[in-house]
Amino acid sequence: MAWHKVAREDQIETDIPSAVAVGETLIALYKVNGQVYGTSNVCTHQFALLSDGYIDNDCIECPLHQALFHIPTGERQSGPTCDDLKIYPIKIEDGDVFVDCD
């Protein structure tokens, strides 16, 4: 695993997605029920940034065509037919958020 520091935990707001990048990898960070998650920031249906979307319970809604993905697993819940989201392992050390995206 190759961990990359991407944010401070206190910078990630509850129920508001955040956008980060590691190299060319676009990642959306979410804080849901006190837990931080990371997924691809690009919808698998058409290019749209999920960090511009809306969090509904533990799902993220794509701002373009309302595809709905389960944040913890990346699984598509509803909306246009598309692949599940790639999820990225997250760890927090001393308030720093690290993502493994290799």
PDB file of N, CA and C in Angstrom:
ATOM      1  N   MET A   1       0.847  -1.181   0.000  1.00  0.00           N
ATOM      2  CA  MET A   1       0.000   0.000   0.000  1.00  0.00           C
ATOM      3  C   MET A   1       0.890   1.239   0.000  1.00  0.00           C
ATOM      4  N   ALA A   2       0.442   2.235  -0.714  1.00  0.00           N
ATOM      5  CA  ALA A   2       1.147   3.520  -0.748  1.00  0.00           C
ATOM      6  C   ALA A   2       0.176   4.594  -0.266  1.00  0.00           C
ATOM      7  N   TRP A   3       0.364   5.040   0.946  1.00  0.00           N
ATOM      8  CA  TRP A   3      -0.535   6.018   1.553  1.00  0.00           C
ATOM      9  C   TRP A   3      -0.095   7.434   1.199  1.00  0.00           C
ATOM     10  N   HIS A   4      -1.080   8.264   0.849  1.00  0.00           N
ATOM     11  CA  HIS A   4      -0.834   9.655   0.476  1.00  0.00           C
ATOM     12  C   HIS A   4      -1.678  10.556   1.379  1.00  0.00           C
ATOM     13  N   LYS A   5      -1.034  11.539   2.007  1.00  0.00           N
ATOM     14  CA  LYS A   5      -1.777  12.510   2.820  1.00  0.00           C
ATOM     15  C   LYS A   5      -2.536  13.430   1.886  1.00  0.00           C
ATOM     16  N   VAL A   6      -3.858  13.540   2.117  1.00  0.00           N
ATOM     17  CA  VAL A   6      -4.687  14.337   1.214  1.00  0.00           C
ATOM     18  C   VAL A   6      -5.461  15.453   1.909  1.00  0.00           C
ATOM     19  N   ALA A   7      -5.597  15.379   3.230  1.00  0.00           N
ATOM     20  CA  ALA A   7      -6.406  16.395   3.924  1.00  0.00           C
ATOM     21  C   ALA A   7      -6.212  16.250   5.425  1.00  0.00           C
ATOM     22  N   ARG A   8      -6.762  17.213   6.136  1.00  0.00           N
ATOM     23  CA  ARG A   8      -6.924  17.100   7.583  1.00  0.00           C
ATOM     24  C   ARG A   8      -8.369  16.675   7.829  1.00  0.00           C
ATOM     25  N   GLU A   9      -8.571  15.828   8.808  1.00  0.00           N
ATOM     26  CA  GLU A   9      -9.916  15.336   9.065  1.00  0.00           C
ATOM     27  C   GLU A   9     -10.880  16.477   9.371  1.00  0.00           C
ATOM     28  N   ASP A  10     -10.423  17.507  10.069  1.00  0.00           N
ATOM     29  CA  ASP A  10     -11.315  18.614  10.425  1.00  0.00           C
ATOM     30  C   ASP A  10     -11.659  19.498   9.222  1.00  0.00           C
ATOM     31  N   GLN A  11     -11.020  19.272   8.066  1.00  0.00           N
ATOM     32  CA  GLN A  11     -11.366  19.998   6.841  1.00  0.00           C
ATOM     33  C   GLN A  11     -12.523  19.340   6.090  1.00  0.00           C
ATOM     34  N   ILE A  12     -12.843  18.096   6.437  1.00  0.00           N
ATOM     35  CA  ILE A  12     -13.896  17.360   5.743  1.00  0.00           C
ATOM     36  C   ILE A  12     -15.186  17.544   6.514  1.00  0.00           C
ATOM     37  N   GLU A  13     -16.133  18.224   5.884  1.00  0.00           N
ATOM     38  CA  GLU A  13     -17.391  18.526   6.554  1.00  0.00           C
ATOM     39  C   GLU A  13     -18.355  17.353   6.448  1.00  0.00           C
ATOM     40  N   THR A  14     -19.125  17.163   7.509  1.00  0.00           N
ATOM     41  CA  THR A  14     -20.137  16.112   7.511  1.00  0.00           C
ATOM     42  C   THR A  14     -21.155  16.389   6.415  1.00  0.00           C
ATOM     43  N   ASP A  15     -21.410  15.378   5.607  1.00  0.00           N
ATOM     44  CA  ASP A  15     -22.429  15.400   4.552  1.00  0.00           C
ATOM     45  C   ASP A  15     -22.157  16.399   3.426  1.00  0.00           C
ATOM     46  N   ILE A  16     -20.901  16.853   3.293  1.00  0.00           N
ATOM     47  CA  ILE A  16     -20.511  17.700   2.159  1.00  0.00           C
ATOM     48  C   ILE A  16     -19.257  17.083   1.543  1.00  0.00           C
ATOM     49  N   PRO A  17     -19.348  16.578   0.301  1.00  0.00           N
ATOM     50  CA  PRO A  17     -18.180  15.935  -0.304  1.00  0.00           C
ATOM     51  C   PRO A  17     -17.045  16.922  -0.557  1.00  0.00           C
ATOM     52  N   SER A  18     -15.814  16.403  -0.500  1.00  0.00           N
ATOM     53  CA  SER A  18     -14.612  17.198  -0.769  1.00  0.00           C
ATOM     54  C   SER A  18     -13.844  16.556  -1.916  1.00  0.00           C
ATOM     55  N   ALA A  19     -13.204  17.376  -2.722  1.00  0.00           N
ATOM     56  CA  ALA A  19     -12.408  16.881  -3.850  1.00  0.00           C
ATOM     57  C   ALA A  19     -10.928  16.981  -3.511  1.00  0.00           C
ATOM     58  N   VAL A  20     -10.199  15.896  -3.778  1.00  0.00           N
ATOM     59  CA  VAL A  20      -8.741  15.886  -3.654  1.00  0.00           C
ATOM     60  C   VAL A  20      -8.192  15.133  -4.866  1.00  0.00           C
ATOM     61  N   ALA A  21      -6.889  15.256  -5.058  1.00  0.00           N
ATOM     62  CA  ALA A  21      -6.240  14.526  -6.145  1.00  0.00           C
ATOM     63  C   ALA A  21      -4.906  14.002  -5.656  1.00  0.00           C
ATOM     64  N   VAL A  22      -4.570  12.816  -6.121  1.00  0.00           N
ATOM     65  CA  VAL A  22      -3.239  12.248  -5.928  1.00  0.00           C
ATOM     66  C   VAL A  22      -2.714  12.008  -7.342  1.00  0.00           C
ATOM     67  N   GLY A  23      -1.771  12.859  -7.751  1.00  0.00           N
ATOM     68  CA  GLY A  23      -1.347  12.816  -9.149  1.00  0.00           C
ATOM     69  C   GLY A  23      -2.543  13.143 -10.026  1.00  0.00           C
ATOM     70  N   GLU A  24      -2.854  12.237 -10.952  1.00  0.00           N
ATOM     71  CA  GLU A  24      -4.009  12.440 -11.837  1.00  0.00           C
ATOM     72  C   GLU A  24      -5.257  11.711 -11.344  1.00  0.00           C
ATOM     73  N   THR A  25      -5.171  11.084 -10.188  1.00  0.00           N
ATOM     74  CA  THR A  25      -6.315  10.355  -9.646  1.00  0.00           C
ATOM     75  C   THR A  25      -7.213  11.314  -8.877  1.00  0.00           C
ATOM     76  N   LEU A  26      -8.446  11.458  -9.349  1.00  0.00           N
ATOM     77  CA  LEU A  26      -9.434  12.348  -8.717  1.00  0.00           C
ATOM     78  C   LEU A  26     -10.234  11.554  -7.696  1.00  0.00           C
ATOM     79  N   ILE A  27     -10.241  12.034  -6.457  1.00  0.00           N
ATOM     80  CA  ILE A  27     -10.862  11.323  -5.348  1.00  0.00           C
ATOM     81  C   ILE A  27     -11.856  12.239  -4.649  1.00  0.00           C
ATOM     82  N   ALA A  28     -13.009  11.682  -4.289  1.00  0.00           N
ATOM     83  CA  ALA A  28     -13.988  12.393  -3.462  1.00  0.00           C
ATOM     84  C   ALA A  28     -13.897  11.834  -2.054  1.00  0.00           C
ATOM     85  N   LEU A  29     -13.843  12.722  -1.074  1.00  0.00           N
ATOM     86  CA  LEU A  29     -13.843  12.336   0.330  1.00  0.00           C
ATOM     87  C   LEU A  29     -15.188  12.704   0.938  1.00  0.00           C
ATOM     88  N   TYR A  30     -15.655  11.856   1.817  1.00  0.00           N
ATOM     89  CA  TYR A  30     -16.948  12.063   2.460  1.00  0.00           C
ATOM     90  C   TYR A  30     -16.801  11.757   3.946  1.00  0.00           C
ATOM     91  N   LYS A  31     -17.532  12.481   4.777  1.00  0.00           N
ATOM     92  CA  LYS A  31     -17.646  12.133   6.194  1.00  0.00           C
ATOM     93  C   LYS A  31     -19.109  11.841   6.457  1.00  0.00           C
ATOM     94  N   VAL A  32     -19.388  10.574   6.716  1.00  0.00           N
ATOM     95  CA  VAL A  32     -20.755  10.115   6.947  1.00  0.00           C
ATOM     96  C   VAL A  32     -20.790   9.381   8.283  1.00  0.00           C
ATOM     97  N   ASN A  33     -21.639   9.845   9.172  1.00  0.00           N
ATOM     98  CA  ASN A  33     -21.754   9.247  10.511  1.00  0.00           C
ATOM     99  C   ASN A  33     -20.394   9.169  11.204  1.00  0.00           C
ATOM    100  N   GLY A  34     -19.585  10.204  11.039  1.00  0.00           N
ATOM    101  CA  GLY A  34     -18.296  10.289  11.704  1.00  0.00           C
ATOM    102  C   GLY A  34     -17.168   9.507  11.047  1.00  0.00           C
ATOM    103  N   GLN A  35     -17.468   8.774   9.998  1.00  0.00           N
ATOM    104  CA  GLN A  35     -16.474   7.956   9.295  1.00  0.00           C
ATOM    105  C   GLN A  35     -16.083   8.633   7.985  1.00  0.00           C
ATOM    106  N   VAL A  36     -14.787   8.628   7.644  1.00  0.00           N
ATOM    107  CA  VAL A  36     -14.305   9.211   6.388  1.00  0.00           C
ATOM    108  C   VAL A  36     -14.162   8.102   5.353  1.00  0.00           C
ATOM    109  N   TYR A  37     -14.671   8.368   4.153  1.00  0.00           N
ATOM    110  CA  TYR A  37     -14.623   7.429   3.035  1.00  0.00           C
ATOM    111  C   TYR A  37     -14.021   8.120   1.817  1.00  0.00           C
ATOM    112  N   GLY A  38     -13.498   7.321   0.892  1.00  0.00           N
ATOM    113  CA  GLY A  38     -12.976   7.846  -0.359  1.00  0.00           C
ATOM    114  C   GLY A  38     -13.443   7.008  -1.537  1.00  0.00           C
ATOM    115  N   THR A  39     -13.890   7.681  -2.593  1.00  0.00           N
ATOM    116  CA  THR A  39     -14.266   7.002  -3.835  1.00  0.00           C
ATOM    117  C   THR A  39     -13.663   7.787  -4.999  1.00  0.00           C
ATOM    118  N   SER A  40     -13.751   7.193  -6.168  1.00  0.00           N
ATOM    119  CA  SER A  40     -13.439   7.965  -7.364  1.00  0.00           C
ATOM    120  C   SER A  40     -14.328   9.195  -7.360  1.00  0.00           C
ATOM    121  N   ASN A  41     -13.797  10.322  -7.812  1.00  0.00           N
ATOM    122  CA  ASN A  41     -14.596  11.545  -7.853  1.00  0.00           C
ATOM    123  C   ASN A  41     -15.330  11.690  -9.184  1.00  0.00           C
ATOM    124  N   VAL A  42     -15.178  10.724 -10.078  1.00  0.00           N
ATOM    125  CA  VAL A  42     -15.795  10.813 -11.403  1.00  0.00           C
ATOM    126  C   VAL A  42     -16.892   9.756 -11.522  1.00  0.00           C
ATOM    127  N   CYS A  43     -18.085  10.194 -11.880  1.00  0.00           N
ATOM    128  CA  CYS A  43     -19.199   9.279 -12.085  1.00  0.00           C
ATOM    129  C   CYS A  43     -18.849   8.308 -13.214  1.00  0.00           C
ATOM    130  N   THR A  44     -19.270   7.056 -13.065  1.00  0.00           N
ATOM    131  CA  THR A  44     -18.978   6.051 -14.085  1.00  0.00           C
ATOM    132  C   THR A  44     -19.971   6.088 -15.253  1.00  0.00           C
ATOM    133  N   HIS A  45     -21.006   6.899 -15.156  1.00  0.00           N
ATOM    134  CA  HIS A  45     -21.980   7.008 -16.252  1.00  0.00           C
ATOM    135  C   HIS A  45     -21.495   7.995 -17.315  1.00  0.00           C
ATOM    136  N   GLN A  46     -21.234   9.210 -16.911  1.00  0.00           N
ATOM    137  CA  GLN A  46     -20.661  10.246 -17.767  1.00  0.00           C
ATOM    138  C   GLN A  46     -19.800  11.121 -16.877  1.00  0.00           C
ATOM    139  N   PHE A  47     -18.892  11.886 -17.502  1.00  0.00           N
ATOM    140  CA  PHE A  47     -17.973  12.675 -16.683  1.00  0.00           C
ATOM    141  C   PHE A  47     -18.728  13.744 -15.902  1.00  0.00           C
ATOM    142  N   ALA A  48     -18.734  13.558 -14.606  1.00  0.00           N
ATOM    143  CA  ALA A  48     -19.278  14.541 -13.668  1.00  0.00           C
ATOM    144  C   ALA A  48     -18.550  14.320 -12.358  1.00  0.00           C
ATOM    145  N   LEU A  49     -18.242  15.386 -11.665  1.00  0.00           N
ATOM    146  CA  LEU A  49     -17.542  15.282 -10.390  1.00  0.00           C
ATOM    147  C   LEU A  49     -18.540  15.020  -9.263  1.00  0.00           C
ATOM    148  N   LEU A  50     -18.348  13.913  -8.585  1.00  0.00           N
ATOM    149  CA  LEU A  50     -19.251  13.565  -7.492  1.00  0.00           C
ATOM    150  C   LEU A  50     -19.114  14.518  -6.318  1.00  0.00           C
ATOM    151  N   SER A  51     -17.977  15.188  -6.215  1.00  0.00           N
ATOM    152  CA  SER A  51     -17.821  16.186  -5.149  1.00  0.00           C
ATOM    153  C   SER A  51     -18.754  17.377  -5.356  1.00  0.00           C
ATOM    154  N   ASP A  52     -19.360  17.488  -6.541  1.00  0.00           N
ATOM    155  CA  ASP A  52     -20.387  18.506  -6.796  1.00  0.00           C
ATOM    156  C   ASP A  52     -21.781  17.952  -6.525  1.00  0.00           C
ATOM    157  N   GLY A  53     -21.856  16.692  -6.089  1.00  0.00           N
ATOM    158  CA  GLY A  53     -23.138  16.027  -5.882  1.00  0.00           C
ATOM    159  C   GLY A  53     -23.694  16.252  -4.486  1.00  0.00           C
ATOM    160  N   TYR A  54     -24.727  15.486  -4.193  1.00  0.00           N
ATOM    161  CA  TYR A  54     -25.497  15.628  -2.962  1.00  0.00           C
ATOM    162  C   TYR A  54     -25.425  14.326  -2.166  1.00  0.00           C
ATOM    163  N   ILE A  55     -25.071  14.412  -0.897  1.00  0.00           N
ATOM    164  CA  ILE A  55     -25.061  13.237  -0.032  1.00  0.00           C
ATOM    165  C   ILE A  55     -26.449  13.035   0.546  1.00  0.00           C
ATOM    166  N   ASP A  56     -26.971  11.819   0.365  1.00  0.00           N
ATOM    167  CA  ASP A  56     -28.279  11.431   0.881  1.00  0.00           C
ATOM    168  C   ASP A  56     -28.068  10.196   1.748  1.00  0.00           C
ATOM    169  N   ASN A  57     -28.128  10.370   3.069  1.00  0.00           N
ATOM    170  CA  ASN A  57     -27.802   9.309   4.032  1.00  0.00           C
ATOM    171  C   ASN A  57     -26.372   8.850   3.794  1.00  0.00           C
ATOM    172  N   ASP A  58     -26.156   7.607   3.335  1.00  0.00           N
ATOM    173  CA  ASP A  58     -24.803   7.121   3.074  1.00  0.00           C
ATOM    174  C   ASP A  58     -24.561   6.903   1.580  1.00  0.00           C
ATOM    175  N   CYS A  59     -25.250   7.694   0.754  1.00  0.00           N
ATOM    176  CA  CYS A  59     -25.103   7.614  -0.700  1.00  0.00           C
ATOM    177  C   CYS A  59     -24.747   8.988  -1.264  1.00  0.00           C
ATOM    178  N   ILE A  60     -24.070   8.970  -2.411  1.00  0.00           N
ATOM    179  CA  ILE A  60     -23.765  10.204  -3.133  1.00  0.00           C
ATOM    180  C   ILE A  60     -24.560  10.193  -4.433  1.00  0.00           C
ATOM    181  N   GLU A  61     -25.202  11.323  -4.724  1.00  0.00           N
ATOM    182  CA  GLU A  61     -25.987  11.460  -5.953  1.00  0.00           C
ATOM    183  C   GLU A  61     -25.192  12.280  -6.951  1.00  0.00           C
ATOM    184  N   CYS A  62     -25.009  11.728  -8.147  1.00  0.00           N
ATOM    185  CA  CYS A  62     -24.305  12.432  -9.212  1.00  0.00           C
ATOM    186  C   CYS A  62     -25.094  13.681  -9.612  1.00  0.00           C
ATOM    187  N   PRO A  63     -24.408  14.813  -9.772  1.00  0.00           N
ATOM    188  CA  PRO A  63     -25.121  16.041 -10.114  1.00  0.00           C
ATOM    189  C   PRO A  63     -25.611  16.076 -11.565  1.00  0.00           C
ATOM    190  N   LEU A  64     -25.142  15.159 -12.407  1.00  0.00           N
ATOM    191  CA  LEU A  64     -25.496  15.208 -13.825  1.00  0.00           C
ATOM    192  C   LEU A  64     -26.788  14.454 -14.142  1.00  0.00           C
ATOM    193  N   HIS A  65     -26.840  13.160 -13.834  1.00  0.00           N
ATOM    194  CA  HIS A  65     -28.021  12.356 -14.168  1.00  0.00           C
ATOM    195  C   HIS A  65     -28.581  11.609 -12.967  1.00  0.00           C
ATOM    196  N   GLN A  66     -28.219  12.027 -11.770  1.00  0.00           N
ATOM    197  CA  GLN A  66     -28.760  11.516 -10.511  1.00  0.00           C
ATOM    198  C   GLN A  66     -28.489  10.027 -10.259  1.00  0.00           C
ATOM    199  N   ALA A  67     -27.408   9.478 -10.820  1.00  0.00           N
ATOM    200  CA  ALA A  67     -26.998   8.133 -10.411  1.00  0.00           C
ATOM    201  C   ALA A  67     -26.691   8.193  -8.925  1.00  0.00           C
ATOM    202  N   LEU A  68     -27.057   7.156  -8.201  1.00  0.00           N
ATOM    203  CA  LEU A  68     -26.888   7.127  -6.755  1.00  0.00           C
ATOM    204  C   LEU A  68     -25.962   5.972  -6.389  1.00  0.00           C
ATOM    205  N   PHE A  69     -24.892   6.271  -5.637  1.00  0.00           N
ATOM    206  CA  PHE A  69     -23.895   5.282  -5.259  1.00  0.00           C
ATOM    207  C   PHE A  69     -23.769   5.210  -3.742  1.00  0.00           C
ATOM    208  N   HIS A  70     -23.643   3.997  -3.217  1.00  0.00           N
ATOM    209  CA  HIS A  70     -23.422   3.773  -1.798  1.00  0.00           C
ATOM    210  C   HIS A  70     -21.979   4.152  -1.481  1.00  0.00           C
ATOM    211  N   ILE A  71     -21.763   5.121  -0.610  1.00  0.00           N
ATOM    212  CA  ILE A  71     -20.421   5.650  -0.334  1.00  0.00           C
ATOM    213  C   ILE A  71     -19.477   4.585   0.240  1.00  0.00           C
ATOM    214  N   PRO A  72     -19.873   3.816   1.254  1.00  0.00           N
ATOM    215  CA  PRO A  72     -18.919   2.852   1.813  1.00  0.00           C
ATOM    216  C   PRO A  72     -18.467   1.754   0.845  1.00  0.00           C
ATOM    217  N   THR A  73     -19.332   1.354  -0.084  1.00  0.00           N
ATOM    218  CA  THR A  73     -19.000   0.230  -0.978  1.00  0.00           C
ATOM    219  C   THR A  73     -18.788   0.633  -2.427  1.00  0.00           C
ATOM    220  N   GLY A  74     -19.258   1.813  -2.819  1.00  0.00           N
ATOM    221  CA  GLY A  74     -19.183   2.254  -4.204  1.00  0.00           C
ATOM    222  C   GLY A  74     -20.253   1.666  -5.101  1.00  0.00           C
ATOM    223  N   GLU A  75     -21.130   0.822  -4.570  1.00  0.00           N
ATOM    224  CA  GLU A  75     -22.147   0.153  -5.383  1.00  0.00           C
ATOM    225  C   GLU A  75     -23.215   1.125  -5.869  1.00  0.00           C
ATOM    226  N   ARG A  76     -23.559   0.987  -7.167  1.00  0.00           N
ATOM    227  CA  ARG A  76     -24.644   1.798  -7.730  1.00  0.00           C
ATOM    228  C   ARG A  76     -25.959   1.338  -7.119  1.00  0.00           C
ATOM    229  N   GLN A  77     -26.743   2.294  -6.651  1.00  0.00           N
ATOM    230  CA  GLN A  77     -28.037   2.002  -6.023  1.00  0.00           C
ATOM    231  C   GLN A  77     -29.205   2.244  -6.966  1.00  0.00           C
ATOM    232  N   SER A  78     -29.077   3.280  -7.795  1.00  0.00           N
ATOM    233  CA  SER A  78     -30.161   3.606  -8.728  1.00  0.00           C
ATOM    234  C   SER A  78     -29.633   4.580  -9.766  1.00  0.00           C
ATOM    235  N   GLY A  79     -30.476   4.870 -10.736  1.00  0.00           N
ATOM    236  CA  GLY A  79     -30.102   5.811 -11.787  1.00  0.00           C
ATOM    237  C   GLY A  79     -29.649   5.102 -13.043  1.00  0.00           C
ATOM    238  N   PRO A  80     -28.989   5.830 -13.942  1.00  0.00           N
ATOM    239  CA  PRO A  80     -28.574   5.256 -15.216  1.00  0.00           C
ATOM    240  C   PRO A  80     -27.681   4.026 -15.008  1.00  0.00           C
ATOM    241  N   THR A  81     -27.731   3.102 -15.938  1.00  0.00           N
ATOM    242  CA  THR A  81     -26.880   1.923 -15.882  1.00  0.00           C
ATOM    243  C   THR A  81     -25.424   2.336 -16.010  1.00  0.00           C
ATOM    244  N   CYS A  82     -24.622   1.940 -15.038  1.00  0.00           N
ATOM    245  CA  CYS A  82     -23.200   2.269 -15.033  1.00  0.00           C
ATOM    246  C   CYS A  82     -22.485   1.356 -14.045  1.00  0.00           C
ATOM    247  N   ASP A  83     -21.178   1.399 -14.066  1.00  0.00           N
ATOM    248  CA  ASP A  83     -20.377   0.586 -13.160  1.00  0.00           C
ATOM    249  C   ASP A  83     -20.405   1.163 -11.751  1.00  0.00           C
ATOM    250  N   ASP A  84     -20.029   0.317 -10.787  1.00  0.00           N
ATOM    251  CA  ASP A  84     -19.848   0.776  -9.415  1.00  0.00           C
ATOM    252  C   ASP A  84     -18.651   1.720  -9.363  1.00  0.00           C
ATOM    253  N   LEU A  85     -18.582   2.537  -8.314  1.00  0.00           N
ATOM    254  CA  LEU A  85     -17.449   3.434  -8.114  1.00  0.00           C
ATOM    255  C   LEU A  85     -16.269   2.681  -7.526  1.00  0.00           C
ATOM    256  N   LYS A  86     -15.079   3.104  -7.889  1.00  0.00           N
ATOM    257  CA  LYS A  86     -13.878   2.592  -7.238  1.00  0.00           C
ATOM    258  C   LYS A  86     -13.808   3.226  -5.856  1.00  0.00           C
ATOM    259  N   ILE A  87     -13.526   2.416  -4.848  1.00  0.00           N
ATOM    260  CA  ILE A  87     -13.366   2.946  -3.495  1.00  0.00           C
ATOM    261  C   ILE A  87     -11.889   2.879  -3.120  1.00  0.00           C
ATOM    262  N   TYR A  88     -11.500   3.795  -2.255  1.00  0.00           N
ATOM    263  CA  TYR A  88     -10.110   3.889  -1.827  1.00  0.00           C
ATOM    264  C   TYR A  88     -10.038   3.731  -0.312  1.00  0.00           C
ATOM    265  N   PRO A  89      -9.115   2.882   0.163  1.00  0.00           N
ATOM    266  CA  PRO A  89      -8.926   2.758   1.615  1.00  0.00           C
ATOM    267  C   PRO A  89      -8.475   4.090   2.212  1.00  0.00           C
ATOM    268  N   ILE A  90      -8.991   4.376   3.387  1.00  0.00           N
ATOM    269  CA  ILE A  90      -8.686   5.616   4.111  1.00  0.00           C
ATOM    270  C   ILE A  90      -8.142   5.245   5.490  1.00  0.00           C
ATOM    271  N   LYS A  91      -7.131   5.982   5.929  1.00  0.00           N
ATOM    272  CA  LYS A  91      -6.709   5.877   7.322  1.00  0.00           C
ATOM    273  C   LYS A  91      -6.476   7.280   7.850  1.00  0.00           C
ATOM    274  N   ILE A  92      -6.644   7.427   9.152  1.00  0.00           N
ATOM    275  CA  ILE A  92      -6.455   8.723   9.798  1.00  0.00           C
ATOM    276  C   ILE A  92      -5.411   8.551  10.887  1.00  0.00           C
ATOM    277  N   GLU A  93      -4.386   9.401  10.827  1.00  0.00           N
ATOM    278  CA  GLU A  93      -3.334   9.393  11.834  1.00  0.00           C
ATOM    279  C   GLU A  93      -3.091  10.818  12.297  1.00  0.00           C
ATOM    280  N   ASP A  94      -3.235  11.051  13.586  1.00  0.00           N
ATOM    281  CA  ASP A  94      -3.004  12.372  14.176  1.00  0.00           C
ATOM    282  C   ASP A  94      -3.793  13.469  13.459  1.00  0.00           C
ATOM    283  N   GLY A  95      -5.021  13.147  13.027  1.00  0.00           N
ATOM    284  CA  GLY A  95      -5.879  14.128  12.363  1.00  0.00           C
ATOM    285  C   GLY A  95      -5.630  14.283  10.879  1.00  0.00           C
ATOM    286  N   ASP A  96      -4.604  13.610  10.343  1.00  0.00           N
ATOM    287  CA  ASP A  96      -4.334  13.654   8.908  1.00  0.00           C
ATOM    288  C   ASP A  96      -5.050  12.508   8.217  1.00  0.00           C
ATOM    289  N   VAL A  97      -5.626  12.800   7.049  1.00  0.00           N
ATOM    290  CA  VAL A  97      -6.336  11.793   6.255  1.00  0.00           C
ATOM    291  C   VAL A  97      -5.402  11.305   5.158  1.00  0.00           C
ATOM    292  N   PHE A  98      -5.238   9.980   5.102  1.00  0.00           N
ATOM    293  CA  PHE A  98      -4.407   9.349   4.093  1.00  0.00           C
ATOM    294  C   PHE A  98      -5.279   8.448   3.234  1.00  0.00           C
ATOM    295  N   VAL A  99      -4.958   8.385   1.941  1.00  0.00           N
ATOM    296  CA  VAL A  99      -5.664   7.522   1.018  1.00  0.00           C
ATOM    297  C   VAL A  99      -4.648   6.612   0.324  1.00  0.00           C
ATOM    298  N   ASP A 100      -5.048   5.368   0.112  1.00  0.00           N
ATOM    299  CA  ASP A 100      -4.231   4.438  -0.649  1.00  0.00           C
ATOM    300  C   ASP A 100      -4.844   4.343  -2.038  1.00  0.00           C
ATOM    301  N   CYS A 101      -4.163   4.914  -3.020  1.00  0.00           N
ATOM    302  CA  CYS A 101      -4.744   4.913  -4.367  1.00  0.00           C
ATOM    303  C   CYS A 101      -3.808   4.272  -5.395  1.00  0.00           C
ATOM    304  N   ASP A 102      -2.914   3.415  -4.935  1.00  0.00           N
ATOM    305  CA  ASP A 102      -2.024   2.712  -5.869  1.00  0.00           C
ATOM    306  C   ASP A 102      -2.530   1.302  -6.130  1.00  0.00           C
TER     307      ASP A 102
END
